[in-house]
Amino acid sequence: MRGTKFFGRGLLGAFCIAMLSMALVGCSLIREAQFVGMTGGGSGDTATSSSNIESGQETAVFADADPSEAKQEAGTAVHPSEQDGGKLLQPPSKPKNDTNEKKDTKSRPRVALTFDDGPDHKYTEQILDILKEYDVKATFFLVGTQVKKYPEIAKRIVDEGHALGNHSWSHADLTKLSAKDVAQQIDKTQQIIKQATGVSPRLMRAPYGALSKSVLETIHKADMKHVAWTVDTKDWAGTSVSDMYKNVMSNTRKDGIILMHSFGGRKDALDHTVKLLPKIIKDLQKDGYDLVTVDEMIDSGDYKTSAIK
């Protein structure tokens, strides 16, 4: 009897211990399941939860940061703040090139139109009218005695944006004068041009293109450059418009300097110059040339040293 009771108590104790163990195991499994659910322990849930966390964090960063300070890789959408209505903001596209942007003209060949012996009240004014119509700037080499007669025309040349050069006082052959007389021819003309226009030319062209070592030295002492030419139209001789046109269009090259006149020559010879000018302006530009002043040519650093010394 006593043995039976002992056996019954032992069995009851074992049963209780077994039940307690089962309860503890169940609690452990429940906790593990909860932990897995919170941390995304499964492969499918992990991707979803991780994506949500990262998205939320990034959204918070962009919402709190100053938009001007937010850096973003090209092609990455910006996460919107609540006030953006939850729409995905795309990065701004790069601005397109302005189709109206001016072309770079530095690589285009340059040519200078030059006119000697003026000013006067007839041809110089007609030439200025044509240049104004085509918006082209030229260089005028003025004779001192002519400036004295027509100071208002000299002033108009400057006012309309053209360049000036010194062509001596009386159109003398400077190679036949003493160095002192050459200096006087230059200086007197500089003074009258400055008086009429307010400009002191830095360019000199000897009449007839007659140049010697002594004359060139005198020009340099006056802090000036001598300007010759590469194409002579010979308009002063009454050369026909067609012959002058062929000469100019056949012989003009990059950094060319074309010689014409705005006064002088044979009777009515410069009527041909006035007719020629619009033709060569249009066709030189059509051939890709930029028409500039000699000053501009020198300032660019790109000019023929054989013509400008």
Protein backbone atom coordinates (compact mmCIF):
# COMPACT_ATOMS: atom_id res chain seq x y z
CA MET A 1 0.00 0.00 0.00
CA ARG A 2 2.78 2.34 0.95
CA GLY A 3 4.59 1.39 -2.28
CA THR A 4 1.52 2.15 -4.35
CA LYS A 5 1.24 5.66 -2.85
CA PHE A 6 4.91 6.34 -3.48
CA PHE A 7 4.54 5.23 -7.07
CA GLY A 8 1.45 7.45 -7.55
CA ARG A 9 3.19 10.51 -6.16
CA GLY A 10 6.20 9.92 -8.40
CA LEU A 11 4.02 9.60 -11.47
CA LEU A 12 2.17 12.80 -10.59
CA GLY A 13 5.48 14.65 -10.12
CA ALA A 14 6.81 13.46 -13.46
CA PHE A 15 3.58 14.56 -15.14
CA CYS A 16 3.85 18.03 -13.62
CA ILE A 17 7.48 18.37 -14.64
CA ALA A 18 6.57 17.33 -18.20
CA MET A 19 3.74 19.87 -18.38
CA LEU A 20 6.00 22.63 -17.08
CA SER A 21 8.66 21.80 -19.69
CA MET A 22 6.10 21.92 -22.46
CA ALA A 23 4.89 25.32 -21.26
CA LEU A 24 8.41 26.71 -21.25
CA VAL A 25 9.11 25.43 -24.77
CA GLY A 26 5.87 26.97 -26.03
CA CYS A 27 6.77 30.36 -24.60
CA SER A 28 10.20 30.18 -26.23
CA LEU A 29 8.68 29.43 -29.64
CA ILE A 30 6.20 32.29 -29.33
CA ARG A 31 9.00 34.74 -28.45
CA GLU A 32 11.14 33.56 -31.37
CA ALA A 33 8.21 33.95 -33.75
CA GLN A 34 7.56 37.48 -32.49
CA PHE A 35 11.23 38.38 -32.81
CA VAL A 36 11.36 37.06 -36.39
CA GLY A 37 8.25 39.03 -37.29
CA MET A 38 9.72 42.24 -35.88
CA THR A 39 13.09 41.90 -37.57
CA GLY A 40 11.97 40.40 -40.86
CA GLY A 41 13.62 37.00 -40.39
CA GLY A 42 11.97 35.55 -43.54
CA SER A 43 13.43 36.20 -47.00
CA GLY A 44 10.28 37.79 -48.46
CA ASP A 45 9.49 39.90 -45.41
CA THR A 46 13.09 41.04 -45.13
CA ALA A 47 13.04 42.78 -48.52
CA THR A 48 9.77 44.57 -47.78
CA SER A 49 10.69 45.71 -44.31
CA SER A 50 14.19 46.78 -45.28
CA SER A 51 12.85 48.77 -48.23
CA ASN A 52 10.29 50.52 -46.05
CA ILE A 53 12.86 51.49 -43.47
CA GLU A 54 15.35 52.87 -45.97
CA SER A 55 12.63 54.73 -47.86
CA GLY A 56 11.32 56.31 -44.72
CA GLN A 57 14.77 57.37 -43.59
CA GLU A 58 15.64 58.91 -46.99
CA THR A 59 12.31 60.72 -47.13
CA ALA A 60 12.97 62.21 -43.73
CA VAL A 61 16.41 63.40 -44.79
CA PHE A 62 15.12 65.16 -47.90
CA ALA A 63 12.15 66.62 -46.05
CA ASP A 64 14.30 68.09 -43.31
CA ALA A 65 17.23 69.24 -45.46
CA ASP A 66 17.45 72.52 -47.35
CA PRO A 67 16.58 71.58 -50.98
CA SER A 68 19.47 73.70 -52.22
CA GLU A 69 21.87 71.62 -50.16
CA ALA A 70 20.52 68.20 -51.10
CA LYS A 71 22.96 66.44 -53.41
CA GLN A 72 21.62 63.82 -55.77
CA GLU A 73 23.01 61.53 -58.42
CA ALA A 74 21.88 62.27 -61.98
CA GLY A 75 18.78 60.26 -62.89
CA THR A 76 17.74 59.58 -59.23
CA ALA A 77 14.26 60.67 -58.21
CA VAL A 78 13.90 62.97 -55.23
CA HIS A 79 11.63 61.68 -52.46
CA PRO A 80 8.82 64.16 -51.93
CA SER A 81 7.81 65.80 -48.70
CA GLU A 82 4.16 65.69 -47.57
CA GLN A 83 3.42 69.10 -49.09
CA ASP A 84 4.34 67.74 -52.53
CA GLY A 85 1.28 65.49 -52.49
CA GLY A 86 3.29 62.29 -52.43
CA LYS A 87 4.30 62.56 -56.09
CA LEU A 88 7.74 61.43 -57.17
CA LEU A 89 9.86 64.39 -58.19
CA GLN A 90 12.22 63.84 -61.11
CA PRO A 91 15.57 65.69 -61.25
CA PRO A 92 15.58 68.77 -63.48
CA SER A 93 16.73 68.09 -67.04
CA LYS A 94 19.93 69.70 -68.27
CA PRO A 95 19.40 72.98 -70.15
CA LYS A 96 19.55 72.69 -73.90
CA ASN A 97 22.10 74.64 -75.90
CA ASP A 98 20.87 78.06 -76.94
CA THR A 99 20.33 77.85 -80.67
CA ASN A 100 20.60 81.64 -80.88
CA GLU A 101 24.05 81.68 -79.33
CA LYS A 102 26.49 83.71 -81.41
CA LYS A 103 29.06 81.74 -83.30
CA ASP A 104 32.68 82.05 -82.35
CA THR A 105 34.25 84.28 -84.99
CA LYS A 106 37.85 84.02 -83.78
CA SER A 107 38.55 81.17 -86.17
CA ARG A 108 37.07 82.99 -89.18
CA PRO A 109 39.55 84.66 -91.55
CA ARG A 110 39.77 88.43 -91.24
CA VAL A 111 40.12 91.08 -93.92
CA ALA A 112 40.49 94.85 -93.56
CA LEU A 113 39.01 97.38 -95.99
CA THR A 114 41.12 100.54 -96.12
CA PHE A 115 40.59 103.93 -97.80
CA ASP A 116 43.30 106.53 -98.50
CA ASP A 117 43.54 110.27 -99.19
CA GLY A 118 40.30 111.53 -97.62
CA PRO A 119 38.26 112.94 -96.23
CA ASP A 120 36.14 114.83 -98.74
CA HIS A 121 32.52 115.84 -99.01
CA LYS A 122 31.67 113.52 -101.95
CA TYR A 123 33.19 110.06 -102.03
CA THR A 124 34.02 109.70 -98.34
CA GLU A 125 30.41 110.32 -97.41
CA GLN A 126 29.10 107.84 -99.99
CA ILE A 127 31.51 105.21 -98.72
CA LEU A 128 30.45 105.87 -95.14
CA ASP A 129 26.80 105.48 -96.12
CA ILE A 130 27.50 102.07 -97.68
CA LEU A 131 29.53 100.87 -94.71
CA LYS A 132 26.74 101.94 -92.39
CA GLU A 133 24.14 100.12 -94.47
CA TYR A 134 26.09 96.86 -94.26
CA ASP A 135 27.26 97.41 -90.67
CA VAL A 136 30.92 97.07 -91.65
CA LYS A 137 33.86 98.92 -90.10
CA ALA A 138 36.85 100.09 -92.13
CA THR A 139 40.09 102.03 -91.71
CA PHE A 140 40.61 105.49 -93.21
CA PHE A 141 44.11 106.88 -93.74
CA LEU A 142 43.64 110.64 -93.72
CA VAL A 143 45.70 113.41 -95.30
CA GLY A 144 46.25 116.42 -93.01
CA THR A 145 45.25 119.08 -95.56
CA GLN A 146 41.99 117.23 -96.25
CA VAL A 147 41.16 116.97 -92.54
CA LYS A 148 41.70 120.71 -92.28
CA LYS A 149 39.14 121.24 -95.07
CA TYR A 150 36.57 118.70 -93.86
CA PRO A 151 36.93 118.22 -90.10
CA GLU A 152 33.25 117.29 -89.75
CA ILE A 153 33.68 114.35 -92.15
CA ALA A 154 36.71 113.16 -90.19
CA LYS A 155 34.58 113.35 -87.05
CA ARG A 156 31.82 111.35 -88.69
CA ILE A 157 34.30 108.57 -89.52
CA VAL A 158 35.13 108.20 -85.84
CA ASP A 159 31.57 108.63 -84.64
CA GLU A 160 30.45 105.72 -86.83
CA GLY A 161 33.03 103.37 -85.34
CA HIS A 162 35.74 103.30 -87.98
CA ALA A 163 39.49 103.41 -87.38
CA LEU A 164 41.84 106.21 -88.43
CA GLY A 165 45.34 106.25 -89.80
CA ASN A 166 47.84 109.00 -90.64
CA HIS A 167 48.60 109.48 -94.36
CA SER A 168 50.97 112.46 -94.00
CA TRP A 169 50.18 116.15 -94.17
CA SER A 170 50.50 116.80 -97.90
CA HIS A 171 50.72 113.33 -99.50
CA ALA A 172 54.45 113.75 -100.11
CA ASP A 173 56.89 110.97 -100.97
CA LEU A 174 58.46 110.59 -97.54
CA THR A 175 61.52 108.77 -98.85
CA LYS A 176 62.60 112.03 -100.50
CA LEU A 177 62.39 114.05 -97.28
CA SER A 178 64.79 114.37 -94.37
CA ALA A 179 64.02 112.55 -91.17
CA LYS A 180 63.07 115.89 -89.60
CA ASP A 181 60.61 116.71 -92.39
CA VAL A 182 59.11 113.23 -92.21
CA ALA A 183 58.55 113.71 -88.48
CA GLN A 184 56.85 117.06 -89.16
CA GLN A 185 54.56 115.50 -91.78
CA ILE A 186 53.49 112.89 -89.25
CA ASP A 187 53.20 115.15 -86.23
CA LYS A 188 51.26 117.95 -87.95
CA THR A 189 48.72 115.43 -89.25
CA GLN A 190 48.39 113.82 -85.84
CA GLN A 191 47.57 117.20 -84.35
CA ILE A 192 44.89 118.12 -86.88
CA ILE A 193 43.24 114.68 -86.63
CA LYS A 194 43.21 114.89 -82.83
CA GLN A 195 41.74 118.39 -83.03
CA ALA A 196 38.95 117.30 -85.40
CA THR A 197 38.09 113.90 -83.91
CA GLY A 198 39.60 113.62 -80.44
CA VAL A 199 41.58 110.59 -81.62
CA SER A 200 45.33 110.18 -82.11
CA PRO A 201 45.93 107.45 -84.71
CA ARG A 202 48.47 104.74 -83.99
CA LEU A 203 48.63 103.71 -87.65
CA MET A 204 50.61 105.29 -90.48
CA ARG A 205 50.58 104.63 -94.21
CA ALA A 206 53.24 106.34 -96.27
CA PRO A 207 51.90 107.92 -99.49
CA TYR A 208 52.44 105.67 -102.52
CA GLY A 209 53.58 103.00 -100.09
CA ALA A 210 57.05 104.54 -100.41
CA LEU A 211 58.96 103.31 -97.38
CA SER A 212 62.63 103.34 -96.43
CA LYS A 213 64.47 102.20 -93.34
CA SER A 214 64.79 105.82 -92.22
CA VAL A 215 61.08 106.55 -92.74
CA LEU A 216 60.10 103.39 -90.86
CA GLU A 217 62.36 104.34 -87.96
CA THR A 218 60.72 107.78 -87.78
CA ILE A 219 57.28 106.17 -87.75
CA HIS A 220 58.32 103.86 -84.92
CA LYS A 221 59.72 106.80 -82.95
CA ALA A 222 56.23 108.28 -83.10
CA ASP A 223 55.00 105.04 -81.49
CA MET A 224 53.10 104.04 -84.63
CA LYS A 225 52.96 101.05 -86.97
CA HIS A 226 53.21 101.30 -90.74
CA VAL A 227 50.38 99.62 -92.66
CA ALA A 228 50.82 98.52 -96.27
CA TRP A 229 48.32 96.38 -98.25
CA THR A 230 47.99 92.96 -99.82
CA VAL A 231 45.48 93.80 -102.57
CA ASP A 232 45.60 97.02 -104.61
CA THR A 233 42.34 97.74 -106.44
CA LYS A 234 44.00 100.58 -108.43
CA ASP A 235 40.68 102.36 -108.19
CA TRP A 236 42.42 105.73 -108.45
CA ALA A 237 43.27 104.91 -112.10
CA GLY A 238 39.64 104.40 -113.10
CA THR A 239 39.88 100.60 -113.24
CA SER A 240 36.56 99.02 -114.18
CA VAL A 241 34.30 97.61 -111.50
CA SER A 242 34.48 94.11 -112.99
CA ASP A 243 38.29 94.11 -113.09
CA MET A 244 38.55 95.39 -109.52
CA TYR A 245 36.04 92.78 -108.37
CA LYS A 246 38.01 89.94 -109.96
CA ASN A 247 41.21 91.27 -108.44
CA VAL A 248 39.77 91.47 -104.94
CA MET A 249 37.97 88.11 -104.97
CA SER A 250 40.90 86.26 -106.56
CA ASN A 251 43.70 87.67 -104.41
CA THR A 252 42.19 88.22 -100.98
CA ARG A 253 43.47 85.85 -98.33
CA LYS A 254 43.33 85.53 -94.55
CA ASP A 255 44.58 88.73 -92.83
CA GLY A 256 44.40 90.56 -96.15
CA ILE A 257 44.38 94.37 -96.38
CA ILE A 258 42.53 95.83 -99.37
CA LEU A 259 43.55 99.26 -100.66
CA MET A 260 40.95 101.70 -101.99
CA HIS A 261 40.53 105.47 -101.96
CA SER A 262 37.93 107.88 -100.62
CA PHE A 263 39.34 110.91 -102.45
CA GLY A 264 41.66 111.70 -105.36
CA GLY A 265 42.54 109.81 -108.49
CA ARG A 266 41.50 110.53 -112.01
CA LYS A 267 38.27 112.36 -112.74
CA ASP A 268 35.24 110.37 -111.58
CA ALA A 269 37.46 107.31 -111.07
CA LEU A 270 36.11 106.71 -107.57
CA ASP A 271 32.59 106.34 -108.88
CA HIS A 272 33.74 102.81 -109.59
CA THR A 273 34.85 102.38 -105.98
CA VAL A 274 31.38 103.31 -104.75
CA LYS A 275 29.86 100.71 -107.10
CA LEU A 276 32.42 98.07 -106.18
CA LEU A 277 32.13 98.35 -102.41
CA PRO A 278 28.71 96.69 -101.84
CA LYS A 279 29.65 93.82 -104.14
CA ILE A 280 32.87 92.89 -102.35
CA ILE A 281 31.32 93.36 -98.91
CA LYS A 282 28.56 90.86 -99.66
CA ASP A 283 30.74 88.33 -101.44
CA LEU A 284 33.68 88.44 -99.04
CA GLN A 285 31.26 87.82 -96.18
CA LYS A 286 29.62 85.04 -98.20
CA ASP A 287 33.07 83.47 -98.56
CA GLY A 288 33.42 83.44 -94.76
CA TYR A 289 35.52 86.56 -94.14
CA ASP A 290 35.02 88.90 -91.22
CA LEU A 291 35.55 92.53 -92.23
CA VAL A 292 37.46 94.32 -89.49
CA THR A 293 39.56 97.42 -88.91
CA VAL A 294 43.34 97.28 -89.01
CA ASP A 295 43.34 98.15 -85.30
CA GLU A 296 41.22 95.07 -84.58
CA MET A 297 43.53 92.94 -86.66
CA ILE A 298 46.57 94.15 -84.72
CA ASP A 299 44.83 93.74 -81.35
CA SER A 300 43.97 90.14 -82.21
CA GLY A 301 47.68 89.41 -82.63
CA ASP A 302 46.89 87.70 -85.93
CA TYR A 303 48.18 89.77 -88.84
CA LYS A 304 50.75 89.71 -91.62
CA THR A 305 54.03 91.16 -90.35
CA SER A 306 55.04 91.72 -93.94
CA ALA A 307 52.20 94.24 -94.30
CA ILE A 308 52.09 95.72 -90.79
CA LYS A 309 55.47 96.78 -89.39
